């Protein structure tokens, strides 16, 4: 009986350690599927959805709710209040069509650029960046980090006036954008974002992270977010930037997908992926292209040089017959991951897939979780 108890205790300890100590291997998931334009969605029963999401303008930088039923994004489409506004679309289930796109309204949006929304897991807070002139540090000259709150997580018109996150995290003279919140299993808060010390130049942007010792509401409302620290592991060379948006898998925080124009990208920006062994450090592995496709297949198809590098053991690889990749010469950026990590939303100006509407369109790629 005693030996049985010991074996059970050891098993419980190992299971508990698996999400925070042991490395996360990408074999947990299949490779990402060929992307689908959100104006060309076909349901499992063969229903062809109406083309309601993408417009002839730029539609980009989405964020998906925990239940997967609400998609917020930035768009320059007609009917907004500024250059980029924040919009939302809903679906009734995970296998349902997306409904009409609705503007979040003048309380949230301004006459300036409002961009890169990121919804918290509980749905009560929406982070974004904005160049509005009421900013606390730069007064509209560059993007700063903001957040808005709603009491009812299902009310898209219940947003309260946005709050600037303060001059500790918003650096004077620097452009801070693309916020992405992650809360670990101990309740610690990490706000990832990108910073360019050269205003209005995404080619000089790097990924930073800020922490706050209080609860989320206090951090946001009292401006307690600390000054950002550059995540050196993701880009150790300060002269090679171009990181503009990242998405951390919120369920365990062990995977990050980022937009980057670093060496090896097929275009101005592509999607890259990194993993880490534990949420208690910032020791991310060197990023590689999504599905490691550049090193394996795209090089041969596009005649790229130099020859491909070997993919790391943790990175999924496209099946040999794959001909439509997530990354393309038309660029891919603004990633957003579903809560369980099985859906990847991003924007691209590619025209090679059905449903293209003009400007930048939103796409989705999917993968399945493999048996442990």
Protein backbone atom coordinates (compact mmCIF):
# COMPACT_ATOMS: atom_id res chain seq x y z
CA UNK A 1 0.00 0.00 0.00
CA UNK A 2 2.86 2.32 0.91
CA UNK A 3 4.63 1.64 -2.44
CA UNK A 4 1.41 2.38 -4.32
CA UNK A 5 1.06 5.71 -2.49
CA UNK A 6 4.67 6.64 -3.32
CA UNK A 7 4.18 5.82 -7.01
CA UNK A 8 1.01 7.95 -7.09
CA UNK A 9 2.77 10.85 -5.39
CA UNK A 10 5.67 10.72 -7.86
CA UNK A 11 3.23 10.66 -10.79
CA UNK A 12 1.40 13.71 -9.44
CA UNK A 13 4.69 15.59 -9.02
CA UNK A 14 5.85 14.76 -12.55
CA UNK A 15 2.52 15.79 -14.06
CA UNK A 16 2.65 19.07 -12.15
CA UNK A 17 6.21 19.71 -13.31
CA UNK A 18 5.47 18.98 -16.96
CA UNK A 19 3.90 22.38 -17.66
CA UNK A 20 6.47 24.52 -15.88
CA UNK A 21 9.83 22.68 -15.84
CA UNK A 22 10.16 20.23 -18.71
CA UNK A 23 10.65 21.63 -22.24
CA UNK A 24 7.59 21.96 -24.43
CA UNK A 25 8.15 20.00 -27.63
CA UNK A 26 6.26 21.06 -30.70
CA UNK A 27 5.36 17.43 -31.36
CA UNK A 28 2.40 18.19 -29.07
CA UNK A 29 0.82 19.75 -32.14
CA UNK A 30 0.61 18.96 -35.81
CA UNK A 31 2.05 21.47 -38.32
CA UNK A 32 -0.11 24.49 -39.13
CA UNK A 33 -2.52 23.95 -42.00
CA UNK A 34 -2.69 25.96 -45.20
CA UNK A 35 -4.21 29.36 -44.31
CA UNK A 36 -7.81 30.23 -45.13
CA UNK A 37 -9.05 33.73 -45.86
CA UNK A 38 -11.85 34.63 -43.41
CA UNK A 39 -13.96 35.62 -46.40
CA UNK A 40 -13.66 32.09 -47.76
CA UNK A 41 -14.66 29.93 -44.79
CA UNK A 42 -16.44 26.63 -45.44
CA UNK A 43 -17.96 24.83 -42.43
CA UNK A 44 -17.59 21.13 -41.71
CA UNK A 45 -21.04 20.42 -43.17
CA UNK A 46 -20.11 22.14 -46.44
CA UNK A 47 -21.86 25.44 -45.71
CA UNK A 48 -20.15 28.31 -47.54
CA UNK A 49 -20.02 31.35 -45.25
CA UNK A 50 -20.77 34.88 -46.43
CA UNK A 51 -17.78 37.13 -47.01
CA UNK A 52 -18.39 39.41 -44.03
CA UNK A 53 -15.05 39.83 -42.24
CA UNK A 54 -12.47 41.26 -44.62
CA UNK A 55 -12.99 44.49 -46.55
CA UNK A 56 -11.28 46.29 -49.42
CA UNK A 57 -9.29 48.19 -46.78
CA UNK A 58 -6.63 46.92 -44.35
CA UNK A 59 -7.91 44.36 -41.81
CA UNK A 60 -5.25 43.16 -39.43
CA UNK A 61 -3.89 42.41 -35.94
CA UNK A 62 -6.68 40.30 -34.47
CA UNK A 63 -7.27 38.91 -30.98
CA UNK A 64 -9.58 35.98 -30.22
CA UNK A 65 -11.68 35.53 -27.06
CA UNK A 66 -11.09 32.53 -24.79
CA UNK A 67 -14.28 30.82 -26.00
CA UNK A 68 -13.23 31.42 -29.63
CA UNK A 69 -16.48 33.18 -30.50
CA UNK A 70 -15.40 36.85 -30.67
CA UNK A 71 -12.68 38.21 -32.95
CA UNK A 72 -11.46 41.77 -32.38
CA UNK A 73 -9.18 43.41 -34.94
CA UNK A 74 -7.92 46.67 -36.43
CA UNK A 75 -9.30 48.02 -39.70
CA UNK A 76 -9.21 51.11 -41.90
CA UNK A 77 -12.61 50.30 -43.43
CA UNK A 78 -15.26 52.96 -43.95
CA UNK A 79 -17.43 53.85 -40.96
CA UNK A 80 -14.64 54.36 -38.46
CA UNK A 81 -13.52 57.40 -36.48
CA UNK A 82 -9.82 57.53 -37.44
CA UNK A 83 -7.24 55.85 -39.65
CA UNK A 84 -7.33 52.49 -37.87
CA UNK A 85 -10.25 51.63 -35.58
CA UNK A 86 -11.01 48.60 -33.43
CA UNK A 87 -13.82 46.32 -34.66
CA UNK A 88 -15.37 42.98 -33.64
CA UNK A 89 -17.15 40.05 -35.24
CA UNK A 90 -18.90 37.06 -33.60
CA UNK A 91 -19.81 33.49 -34.40
CA UNK A 92 -22.30 31.26 -32.58
CA UNK A 93 -19.99 28.25 -32.25
CA UNK A 94 -16.50 27.12 -33.27
CA UNK A 95 -18.02 25.65 -36.43
CA UNK A 96 -20.20 28.61 -37.38
CA UNK A 97 -19.82 31.52 -39.78
CA UNK A 98 -18.51 34.86 -38.62
CA UNK A 99 -21.19 37.54 -38.42
CA UNK A 100 -21.21 41.23 -39.41
CA UNK A 101 -18.28 43.37 -38.32
CA UNK A 102 -19.15 46.09 -35.78
CA UNK A 103 -17.14 49.15 -34.74
CA UNK A 104 -16.40 49.34 -30.99
CA UNK A 105 -17.64 52.92 -30.97
CA UNK A 106 -16.35 56.41 -30.12
CA UNK A 107 -15.66 55.66 -26.47
CA UNK A 108 -12.85 53.29 -27.46
CA UNK A 109 -11.88 54.58 -30.89
CA UNK A 110 -10.48 58.05 -31.56
CA UNK A 111 -9.67 60.25 -34.55
CA UNK A 112 -6.11 58.90 -34.29
CA UNK A 113 -4.76 55.45 -35.09
CA UNK A 114 -6.10 52.77 -32.69
CA UNK A 115 -4.34 49.51 -33.33
CA UNK A 116 -3.32 45.98 -32.22
CA UNK A 117 -6.09 44.97 -29.77
CA UNK A 118 -5.40 42.21 -27.25
CA UNK A 119 -8.24 40.80 -25.14
CA UNK A 120 -7.56 39.38 -21.67
CA UNK A 121 -8.61 35.83 -20.85
CA UNK A 122 -11.59 36.93 -18.77
CA UNK A 123 -12.77 39.29 -21.52
CA UNK A 124 -12.98 42.34 -19.25
CA UNK A 125 -9.88 44.22 -20.47
CA UNK A 126 -8.79 45.14 -23.98
CA UNK A 127 -5.22 46.37 -24.47
CA UNK A 128 -4.23 48.27 -27.61
CA UNK A 129 -1.90 51.00 -28.81
CA UNK A 130 -2.90 54.44 -29.99
CA UNK A 131 -1.43 57.71 -31.21
CA UNK A 132 -4.21 59.81 -29.66
CA UNK A 133 -3.06 63.21 -28.39
CA UNK A 134 -4.23 62.54 -24.84
CA UNK A 135 -1.30 60.19 -24.29
CA UNK A 136 0.59 60.71 -21.06
CA UNK A 137 4.13 60.79 -22.41
CA UNK A 138 4.34 61.60 -26.11
CA UNK A 139 1.05 63.43 -26.78
CA UNK A 140 0.19 61.72 -30.04
CA UNK A 141 3.60 61.86 -31.72
CA UNK A 142 4.08 58.07 -31.46
CA UNK A 143 2.02 55.05 -30.37
CA UNK A 144 1.54 54.38 -26.67
CA UNK A 145 -0.04 51.51 -24.73
CA UNK A 146 -3.65 51.84 -23.59
CA UNK A 147 -6.33 49.63 -22.04
CA UNK A 148 -10.12 49.78 -21.77
CA UNK A 149 -12.43 47.89 -19.41
CA UNK A 150 -15.99 46.58 -19.51
CA UNK A 151 -18.09 45.23 -16.63
CA UNK A 152 -19.95 42.74 -18.81
CA UNK A 153 -17.54 40.58 -20.82
CA UNK A 154 -20.28 39.98 -23.40
CA UNK A 155 -21.19 43.61 -24.01
CA UNK A 156 -19.16 45.00 -26.92
CA UNK A 157 -20.68 48.44 -26.41
CA UNK A 158 -19.98 48.58 -22.69
CA UNK A 159 -16.36 49.67 -22.94
CA UNK A 160 -15.24 52.42 -20.57
CA UNK A 161 -12.97 55.35 -21.53
CA UNK A 162 -9.45 54.03 -22.30
CA UNK A 163 -6.68 54.38 -19.72
CA UNK A 164 -3.12 55.23 -20.67
CA UNK A 165 -0.71 52.78 -19.01
CA UNK A 166 1.60 55.56 -17.87
CA UNK A 167 5.08 56.90 -18.51
CA UNK A 168 6.95 54.07 -16.82
CA UNK A 169 6.01 51.55 -19.53
CA UNK A 170 5.45 54.15 -22.29
CA UNK A 171 8.95 55.48 -22.86
CA UNK A 172 9.40 59.10 -23.86
CA UNK A 173 10.41 59.40 -27.51
CA UNK A 174 9.91 55.67 -28.17
CA UNK A 175 7.04 53.94 -29.96
CA UNK A 176 5.42 51.25 -27.78
CA UNK A 177 2.86 49.02 -29.48
CA UNK A 178 1.38 45.54 -29.89
CA UNK A 179 0.59 44.69 -26.22
CA UNK A 180 -0.04 41.05 -25.28
CA UNK A 181 -0.87 40.07 -21.68
CA UNK A 182 0.08 36.73 -20.14
CA UNK A 183 -0.73 35.65 -16.57
CA UNK A 184 1.18 32.62 -15.31
CA UNK A 185 -0.06 29.85 -13.03
CA UNK A 186 1.00 31.83 -9.95
CA UNK A 187 -0.90 34.98 -10.89
CA UNK A 188 2.18 36.90 -12.06
CA UNK A 189 1.44 39.41 -14.82
CA UNK A 190 3.62 39.84 -17.92
CA UNK A 191 2.78 42.44 -20.54
CA UNK A 192 4.74 41.81 -23.74
CA UNK A 193 4.95 44.63 -26.28
CA UNK A 194 7.21 45.99 -28.99
CA UNK A 195 9.33 49.10 -28.72
CA UNK A 196 11.07 51.07 -31.43
CA UNK A 197 13.56 53.71 -30.36
CA UNK A 198 13.16 55.11 -33.87
CA UNK A 199 9.58 56.44 -33.94
CA UNK A 200 7.30 55.17 -36.72
CA UNK A 201 9.89 52.60 -37.81
CA UNK A 202 8.85 48.98 -37.33
CA UNK A 203 12.20 47.88 -38.75
CA UNK A 204 13.73 49.00 -35.46
CA UNK A 205 11.21 47.35 -33.12
CA UNK A 206 12.15 44.77 -30.49
CA UNK A 207 10.11 42.70 -28.03
CA UNK A 208 9.99 43.94 -24.44
CA UNK A 209 8.21 42.68 -21.33
CA UNK A 210 6.86 44.57 -18.34
CA UNK A 211 5.68 43.21 -14.99
CA UNK A 212 3.46 44.59 -12.24
CA UNK A 213 3.35 43.46 -8.58
CA UNK A 214 -0.38 44.17 -8.09
CA UNK A 215 -3.60 42.75 -9.51
CA UNK A 216 -4.50 43.59 -13.10
CA UNK A 217 -7.08 46.27 -12.30
CA UNK A 218 -4.71 48.10 -9.97
CA UNK A 219 -1.83 47.84 -12.44
CA UNK A 220 -3.93 49.33 -15.22
CA UNK A 221 -5.82 51.99 -13.32
CA UNK A 222 -2.90 53.26 -11.26
CA UNK A 223 -0.20 53.04 -13.95
CA UNK A 224 1.92 50.58 -12.00
CA UNK A 225 3.39 48.72 -14.97
CA UNK A 226 7.17 48.77 -14.72
CA UNK A 227 9.47 49.99 -17.47
CA UNK A 228 9.94 47.36 -20.13
CA UNK A 229 12.95 45.04 -20.37
CA UNK A 230 14.06 43.80 -23.77
CA UNK A 231 13.66 40.03 -24.19
CA UNK A 232 17.21 39.43 -25.34
CA UNK A 233 16.71 35.70 -25.95
CA UNK A 234 14.28 36.43 -28.79
CA UNK A 235 16.62 38.85 -30.55
CA UNK A 236 20.10 39.17 -29.05
CA UNK A 237 21.37 41.49 -31.80
CA UNK A 238 20.25 45.06 -31.14
CA UNK A 239 20.89 46.02 -34.78
CA UNK A 240 18.45 43.45 -36.22
CA UNK A 241 14.91 44.33 -35.17
CA UNK A 242 11.64 44.30 -37.04
CA UNK A 243 9.50 42.56 -34.40
CA UNK A 244 6.05 44.15 -34.39
CA UNK A 245 3.53 41.84 -32.71
CA UNK A 246 3.67 38.64 -30.70
CA UNK A 247 1.13 36.10 -29.44
CA UNK A 248 1.79 34.00 -26.35
CA UNK A 249 -0.19 30.79 -26.03
CA UNK A 250 -2.25 31.79 -23.02
CA UNK A 251 -3.10 28.33 -21.72
CA UNK A 252 0.47 27.55 -20.65
CA UNK A 253 2.65 30.44 -21.86
CA UNK A 254 5.31 28.17 -23.32
CA UNK A 255 4.99 29.17 -26.97
CA UNK A 256 5.27 32.55 -28.67
CA UNK A 257 4.53 33.40 -32.29
CA UNK A 258 5.86 36.74 -33.47
CA UNK A 259 5.91 38.95 -36.54
CA UNK A 260 9.47 39.61 -37.58
CA UNK A 261 11.46 40.96 -40.47
CA UNK A 262 14.66 39.31 -39.29
CA UNK A 263 17.08 37.64 -41.67
CA UNK A 264 15.43 34.59 -43.21
CA UNK A 265 12.02 36.16 -43.73
CA UNK A 266 10.46 35.78 -47.17
CA UNK A 267 9.10 39.32 -47.14
CA UNK A 268 9.04 42.47 -45.01
CA UNK A 269 7.66 40.36 -42.18
CA UNK A 270 6.90 36.70 -41.58
CA UNK A 271 5.62 34.68 -38.64
CA UNK A 272 8.24 33.04 -36.44
CA UNK A 273 7.86 30.76 -33.42
CA UNK A 274 9.77 30.20 -30.20
CA UNK A 275 9.20 28.00 -27.15
CA UNK A 276 10.52 27.94 -23.60
CA UNK A 277 10.71 25.30 -20.88
CA UNK A 278 9.10 27.25 -18.06
CA UNK A 279 7.01 30.36 -17.52
CA UNK A 280 9.35 31.44 -14.75
CA UNK A 281 12.03 32.80 -17.06
CA UNK A 282 12.49 34.59 -20.37
CA UNK A 283 14.82 31.96 -21.82
CA UNK A 284 12.99 31.61 -25.11
CA UNK A 285 14.64 29.44 -27.75
CA UNK A 286 15.88 31.19 -30.92
CA UNK A 287 12.81 31.73 -33.16
CA UNK A 288 12.37 29.81 -36.40
CA UNK A 289 9.81 30.37 -39.20
CA UNK A 290 6.35 28.87 -38.67
CA UNK A 291 6.44 25.14 -39.52
CA UNK A 292 10.16 25.66 -40.16
CA UNK A 293 9.03 25.97 -43.78
CA UNK A 294 11.69 28.38 -45.03
CA UNK A 295 14.51 25.95 -44.29
CA UNK A 296 12.71 22.95 -45.75
CA UNK A 297 10.37 23.66 -48.66
CA UNK A 298 10.21 27.33 -49.54
CA UNK A 299 13.92 27.45 -50.28
CA UNK A 300 13.53 24.86 -53.01
CA UNK A 301 10.33 26.35 -54.42
CA UNK A 302 11.54 29.94 -54.53
CA UNK A 303 15.17 29.13 -55.31
CA UNK A 304 16.36 30.95 -52.22
CA UNK A 305 19.96 31.05 -51.11
CA UNK A 306 21.78 30.21 -48.91
CA UNK A 307 20.83 26.53 -48.57
CA UNK A 308 18.38 25.62 -45.79
CA UNK A 309 19.50 25.24 -42.21
CA UNK A 310 18.43 22.17 -40.24
CA UNK A 311 15.24 22.64 -38.23
CA UNK A 312 15.51 22.29 -34.44
CA UNK A 313 13.97 19.16 -32.93
CA UNK A 314 11.11 21.07 -31.30
CA UNK A 315 9.89 22.83 -34.45
CA UNK A 316 7.16 21.23 -36.61
CA UNK A 317 7.96 20.84 -40.30
CA UNK A 318 5.56 21.15 -43.22
CA UNK A 319 4.62 17.83 -44.81
CA UNK A 320 6.61 17.29 -48.05
CA UNK A 321 3.52 17.71 -50.24
CA UNK A 322 2.69 21.15 -48.80
CA UNK A 323 2.54 23.89 -51.43
CA UNK A 324 0.59 26.62 -49.60
CA UNK A 325 2.49 27.97 -46.62
CA UNK A 326 1.55 30.24 -43.74
CA UNK A 327 4.40 32.57 -44.66
CA UNK A 328 4.59 33.93 -48.17
CA UNK A 329 6.45 36.57 -50.19
CA UNK A 330 3.45 38.82 -49.58
CA UNK A 331 4.30 39.06 -45.86
CA UNK A 332 2.41 37.78 -42.83
CA UNK A 333 2.06 39.65 -39.54
CA UNK A 334 -0.09 40.37 -36.50
CA UNK A 335 -0.43 36.81 -35.07
CA UNK A 336 -3.11 35.84 -32.54
CA UNK A 337 -3.46 32.42 -30.92
CA UNK A 338 -6.62 30.81 -29.62
CA UNK A 339 -6.67 29.85 -25.94
CA UNK A 340 -5.84 26.19 -26.65
CA UNK A 341 -3.28 27.01 -29.33
CA UNK A 342 -5.10 25.26 -32.18
CA UNK A 343 -6.06 28.37 -34.20
CA UNK A 344 -3.68 31.01 -35.53
CA UNK A 345 -5.06 34.28 -36.91
CA UNK A 346 -2.87 36.69 -38.84
CA UNK A 347 -3.02 39.29 -41.60
CA UNK A 348 -1.49 39.27 -45.05
CA UNK A 349 -1.73 41.08 -48.38
CA UNK A 350 -1.30 37.83 -50.32
CA UNK A 351 -3.51 37.43 -53.38
CA UNK A 352 -2.89 33.77 -54.17
CA UNK A 353 -5.72 32.33 -52.06
CA UNK A 354 -9.52 32.52 -52.59
CA UNK A 355 -11.37 35.28 -50.77
CA UNK A 356 -8.87 38.12 -51.19
CA UNK A 357 -10.74 41.39 -50.61
CA UNK A 358 -8.06 44.05 -50.97
CA UNK A 359 -5.45 45.63 -48.74
CA UNK A 360 -4.54 43.30 -45.87
CA UNK A 361 -6.90 40.44 -45.10
CA UNK A 362 -7.31 38.25 -42.03
CA UNK A 363 -6.48 34.55 -42.35
CA UNK A 364 -6.71 31.52 -40.07
CA UNK A 365 -4.54 28.43 -39.92
CA UNK A 366 -5.30 25.41 -37.73
CA UNK A 367 -3.47 22.52 -36.12
CA UNK A 368 -4.45 19.59 -33.91
CA UNK A 369 -3.13 18.55 -30.55
CA UNK A 370 -1.31 15.25 -30.74
CA UNK A 371 -1.66 12.49 -28.13
CA UNK A 372 0.77 12.82 -25.23
